[in-house]
């Protein structure tokens, strides 16, 4: 076991920002694992304009180059598409997908969903498409994304959600490091945002799969499980 844990870079999913990882960062710090979360362009406090998936990957690659090649990259949901693309641009020690889109070169989020067997998820009912981006119905988003959390915390999270550019979902990634970089998929069995059957298809592309009996955001609903997994990878 390593006495110097690898650093972790955390990449949020659609509509979110680095803020969603704050509790997990504190929990990882408590067990000696350094973690850093980024705001993708147009999200959180990022000064950059909204982009597509390749622009988001460029932003991650620039951050990851400063962190170093021994870092573990963790992508949640849409963040999986970003770490897939960015890992073809900068070096990572390990990719971790949490209910995430583990994409291959030339694939987009929507392209994967169109090609995969059709499964309806409740997230589709909450999405509110606009001209350039989508938002989530605040009356539905909280239960889908943060079930089981304190109601005041759920309301706070929902209030911070940003519009998500359509281009992030429709643009194919230029290249993917998936397959060349060691990878682990954390499959959420009760997910209502990324269907578990779709997750199984993408998990088969990874080296290891860990199934958890959780909804879409297990780092919020069962953070101790995610800390245990990431601590194990960081200190291996």
Protein backbone atom coordinates (compact mmCIF):
# COMPACT_ATOMS: atom_id res chain seq x y z
CA UNK A 1 0.00 0.00 0.00
CA UNK A 2 1.31 3.43 -0.95
CA UNK A 3 2.17 5.84 1.88
CA UNK A 4 1.64 8.77 -0.51
CA UNK A 5 -1.91 8.50 -1.85
CA UNK A 6 -2.50 9.51 -5.44
CA UNK A 7 -4.39 12.79 -5.81
CA UNK A 8 -7.95 12.70 -7.10
CA UNK A 9 -9.54 15.04 -9.63
CA UNK A 10 -13.35 15.17 -9.45
CA UNK A 11 -15.48 16.09 -12.47
CA UNK A 12 -19.13 16.96 -11.96
CA UNK A 13 -22.06 15.93 -14.10
CA UNK A 14 -24.53 17.96 -16.15
CA UNK A 15 -26.14 21.05 -14.58
CA UNK A 16 -23.75 20.90 -11.62
CA UNK A 17 -20.47 22.45 -10.50
CA UNK A 18 -17.49 21.63 -8.32
CA UNK A 19 -19.63 22.49 -5.29
CA UNK A 20 -21.38 19.11 -5.44
CA UNK A 21 -18.15 17.40 -4.36
CA UNK A 22 -17.47 19.45 -1.21
CA UNK A 23 -18.58 16.79 1.29
CA UNK A 24 -16.64 14.03 -0.49
CA UNK A 25 -13.49 16.19 -0.61
CA UNK A 26 -13.68 16.69 3.16
CA UNK A 27 -14.22 12.99 3.76
CA UNK A 28 -11.28 12.04 1.54
CA UNK A 29 -9.06 14.58 3.31
CA UNK A 30 -9.99 12.94 6.61
CA UNK A 31 -8.44 9.67 5.39
CA UNK A 32 -5.40 11.36 3.90
CA UNK A 33 -6.40 11.47 0.22
CA UNK A 34 -6.03 14.86 -1.51
CA UNK A 35 -8.89 15.68 -3.88
CA UNK A 36 -9.63 18.62 -6.14
CA UNK A 37 -12.87 19.39 -7.99
CA UNK A 38 -13.11 21.55 -11.09
CA UNK A 39 -15.87 23.71 -12.52
CA UNK A 40 -16.41 22.86 -16.17
CA UNK A 41 -16.80 25.89 -18.49
CA UNK A 42 -20.00 27.79 -17.82
CA UNK A 43 -20.63 26.07 -14.50
CA UNK A 44 -20.12 27.05 -10.88
CA UNK A 45 -17.62 29.91 -10.68
CA UNK A 46 -15.84 29.12 -13.96
CA UNK A 47 -15.03 32.34 -15.88
CA UNK A 48 -15.10 30.41 -19.17
CA UNK A 49 -18.13 30.46 -21.49
CA UNK A 50 -20.17 27.26 -21.87
CA UNK A 51 -18.63 24.79 -24.30
CA UNK A 52 -19.15 21.36 -25.80
CA UNK A 53 -17.75 18.07 -24.51
CA UNK A 54 -14.38 18.59 -26.21
CA UNK A 55 -14.06 22.08 -24.76
CA UNK A 56 -14.87 20.66 -21.34
CA UNK A 57 -12.21 17.97 -21.90
CA UNK A 58 -9.63 20.62 -22.81
CA UNK A 59 -10.40 22.45 -19.57
CA UNK A 60 -9.97 19.27 -17.54
CA UNK A 61 -6.74 18.36 -19.33
CA UNK A 62 -5.22 21.74 -18.46
CA UNK A 63 -6.04 21.26 -14.78
CA UNK A 64 -4.89 17.63 -14.80
CA UNK A 65 -1.52 18.56 -16.26
CA UNK A 66 -0.92 20.78 -13.24
CA UNK A 67 -1.99 18.06 -10.81
CA UNK A 68 0.31 15.49 -12.41
CA UNK A 69 0.15 12.17 -14.27
CA UNK A 70 -0.38 10.04 -11.15
CA UNK A 71 -3.86 11.46 -10.48
CA UNK A 72 -7.08 9.46 -10.42
CA UNK A 73 -9.85 11.11 -12.40
CA UNK A 74 -13.42 10.62 -11.23
CA UNK A 75 -16.33 11.50 -13.52
CA UNK A 76 -19.95 11.50 -12.43
CA UNK A 77 -22.72 11.07 -15.03
CA UNK A 78 -21.90 13.44 -17.95
CA UNK A 79 -18.49 13.92 -16.30
CA UNK A 80 -17.63 10.44 -17.56
CA UNK A 81 -17.72 11.71 -21.14
CA UNK A 82 -15.34 14.49 -20.12
CA UNK A 83 -12.78 12.22 -18.45
CA UNK A 84 -12.98 9.82 -21.41
CA UNK A 85 -12.08 12.60 -23.85
CA UNK A 86 -9.57 14.37 -21.60
CA UNK A 87 -7.64 11.14 -20.94
CA UNK A 88 -6.65 11.19 -24.61
CA UNK A 89 -5.14 14.66 -24.04
CA UNK A 90 -3.36 14.33 -20.68
CA UNK A 91 -2.02 11.49 -18.54
CA UNK A 92 -4.13 9.91 -15.81
CA UNK A 93 -3.31 7.01 -13.51
CA UNK A 94 -6.87 5.67 -13.31
CA UNK A 95 -10.35 6.60 -14.52
CA UNK A 96 -13.35 6.14 -12.23
CA UNK A 97 -16.87 6.37 -13.63
CA UNK A 98 -19.75 6.93 -11.20
CA UNK A 99 -23.04 6.21 -13.02
CA UNK A 100 -21.22 7.86 -15.89
CA UNK A 101 -20.83 7.90 -19.65
CA UNK A 102 -17.73 5.85 -20.41
CA UNK A 103 -17.44 6.83 -24.06
CA UNK A 104 -15.30 5.51 -26.86
CA UNK A 105 -13.65 7.64 -29.56
CA UNK A 106 -16.17 9.31 -31.87
CA UNK A 107 -19.13 8.68 -29.54
CA UNK A 108 -21.41 11.28 -27.95
CA UNK A 109 -23.72 10.96 -24.96
CA UNK A 110 -26.81 11.14 -27.15
CA UNK A 111 -25.20 8.90 -29.76
CA UNK A 112 -24.60 6.22 -27.17
CA UNK A 113 -28.19 6.48 -25.93
CA UNK A 114 -29.61 6.22 -29.46
CA UNK A 115 -27.50 3.15 -30.22
CA UNK A 116 -28.19 1.38 -26.92
CA UNK A 117 -31.36 -0.58 -26.14
CA UNK A 118 -34.11 1.86 -25.20
CA UNK A 119 -34.81 2.31 -21.48
CA UNK A 120 -36.83 5.20 -20.07
CA UNK A 121 -35.46 7.13 -17.09
CA UNK A 122 -37.29 9.69 -14.96
CA UNK A 123 -34.61 12.30 -15.70
CA UNK A 124 -36.10 12.65 -19.19
CA UNK A 125 -39.37 13.82 -17.62
CA UNK A 126 -37.53 16.52 -15.62
CA UNK A 127 -35.54 18.00 -18.51
CA UNK A 128 -36.69 21.35 -19.89
CA UNK A 129 -35.04 22.01 -23.27
CA UNK A 130 -34.26 25.55 -24.40
CA UNK A 131 -32.71 26.96 -27.56
CA UNK A 132 -29.08 26.32 -26.59
CA UNK A 133 -29.27 24.48 -23.27
CA UNK A 134 -31.51 22.47 -21.02
CA UNK A 135 -32.55 23.03 -17.42
CA UNK A 136 -34.20 20.73 -14.89
CA UNK A 137 -37.66 21.12 -13.43
CA UNK A 138 -36.87 22.14 -9.83
CA UNK A 139 -39.93 20.29 -8.54
CA UNK A 140 -38.56 16.98 -9.86
CA UNK A 141 -34.78 17.44 -9.79
CA UNK A 142 -34.27 17.18 -6.06
CA UNK A 143 -35.79 13.73 -5.63
CA UNK A 144 -34.02 12.40 -8.74
CA UNK A 145 -30.57 13.69 -7.87
CA UNK A 146 -30.46 13.91 -4.07
CA UNK A 147 -33.03 11.49 -2.64
CA UNK A 148 -32.63 10.95 1.09
CA UNK A 149 -30.74 14.13 1.86
CA UNK A 150 -31.93 16.83 4.26
CA UNK A 151 -34.73 18.82 2.54
CA UNK A 152 -32.92 22.14 3.14
CA UNK A 153 -29.76 20.76 1.53
CA UNK A 154 -31.76 19.42 -1.42
CA UNK A 155 -33.32 22.85 -1.96
CA UNK A 156 -29.89 24.49 -1.78
CA UNK A 157 -28.45 22.10 -4.37
CA UNK A 158 -31.38 22.53 -6.76
CA UNK A 159 -31.07 26.32 -6.57
CA UNK A 160 -27.43 26.08 -7.74
CA UNK A 161 -28.04 24.03 -10.88
CA UNK A 162 -26.87 25.65 -14.14
CA UNK A 163 -28.22 25.29 -17.69
CA UNK A 164 -26.50 22.46 -19.58
CA UNK A 165 -25.51 23.20 -23.21
CA UNK A 166 -27.03 20.82 -25.74
CA UNK A 167 -23.62 20.60 -27.46
CA UNK A 168 -22.19 18.74 -24.48
CA UNK A 169 -24.58 15.89 -25.21
CA UNK A 170 -24.66 15.92 -29.00
CA UNK A 171 -21.01 16.50 -29.93
CA UNK A 172 -18.90 13.33 -30.38
CA UNK A 173 -15.67 13.19 -28.40
CA UNK A 174 -12.62 13.47 -30.62
CA UNK A 175 -10.74 10.64 -28.91
CA UNK A 176 -10.95 8.55 -25.75
CA UNK A 177 -8.35 7.20 -23.36
CA UNK A 178 -10.75 4.50 -22.22
CA UNK A 179 -9.06 1.16 -22.75
CA UNK A 180 -5.56 2.64 -22.60
CA UNK A 181 -5.93 3.89 -19.00
CA UNK A 182 -6.93 1.57 -16.13
CA UNK A 183 -10.57 2.11 -15.25
CA UNK A 184 -13.25 1.30 -12.68
CA UNK A 185 -17.01 1.67 -13.10
CA UNK A 186 -19.24 2.29 -10.07
CA UNK A 187 -22.66 1.08 -11.20
CA UNK A 188 -25.69 2.47 -9.39
CA UNK A 189 -28.40 -0.19 -9.32
CA UNK A 190 -31.30 2.15 -8.41
CA UNK A 191 -30.36 5.03 -10.72
CA UNK A 192 -33.24 6.92 -12.34
CA UNK A 193 -31.04 9.29 -14.37
CA UNK A 194 -28.65 6.96 -16.22
CA UNK A 195 -30.40 3.61 -16.57
CA UNK A 196 -28.58 0.71 -14.87
CA UNK A 197 -28.81 -1.35 -18.08
CA UNK A 198 -27.03 1.41 -19.98
CA UNK A 199 -24.48 1.57 -17.18
CA UNK A 200 -23.83 -2.16 -17.57
CA UNK A 201 -22.98 -1.69 -21.24
CA UNK A 202 -20.46 1.03 -20.41
CA UNK A 203 -19.13 -0.81 -17.36
CA UNK A 204 -18.18 -3.69 -19.67
CA UNK A 205 -15.76 -1.30 -21.35
CA UNK A 206 -13.90 -0.80 -18.06
CA UNK A 207 -11.42 -3.06 -16.25
CA UNK A 208 -13.46 -3.40 -13.06
CA UNK A 209 -17.07 -2.89 -12.02
CA UNK A 210 -18.34 -2.19 -8.52
CA UNK A 211 -22.13 -2.27 -8.15
CA UNK A 212 -23.76 -0.27 -5.35
CA UNK A 213 -27.42 -0.34 -4.32
CA UNK A 214 -27.80 3.42 -4.64
CA UNK A 215 -29.43 6.14 -6.74
CA UNK A 216 -27.65 8.52 -9.10
CA UNK A 217 -25.39 10.31 -6.59
CA UNK A 218 -23.87 7.73 -4.22
CA UNK A 219 -21.16 10.14 -3.09
CA UNK A 220 -24.02 12.01 -1.40
CA UNK A 221 -26.32 9.16 -0.36
CA UNK A 222 -23.60 6.70 0.69
CA UNK A 223 -20.36 8.70 0.84
CA UNK A 224 -18.59 6.16 3.04
CA UNK A 225 -18.82 3.58 0.24
CA UNK A 226 -17.30 5.94 -2.32
CA UNK A 227 -14.56 7.04 0.08
CA UNK A 228 -13.65 3.40 0.69
CA UNK A 229 -13.41 2.70 -3.05
CA UNK A 230 -11.41 5.83 -3.86
CA UNK A 231 -9.13 5.42 -0.85
CA UNK A 232 -8.35 1.89 -2.00
CA UNK A 233 -7.45 3.05 -5.50
CA UNK A 234 -5.46 6.04 -4.25
CA UNK A 235 -3.33 3.94 -1.92
CA UNK A 236 -2.92 0.80 -4.04
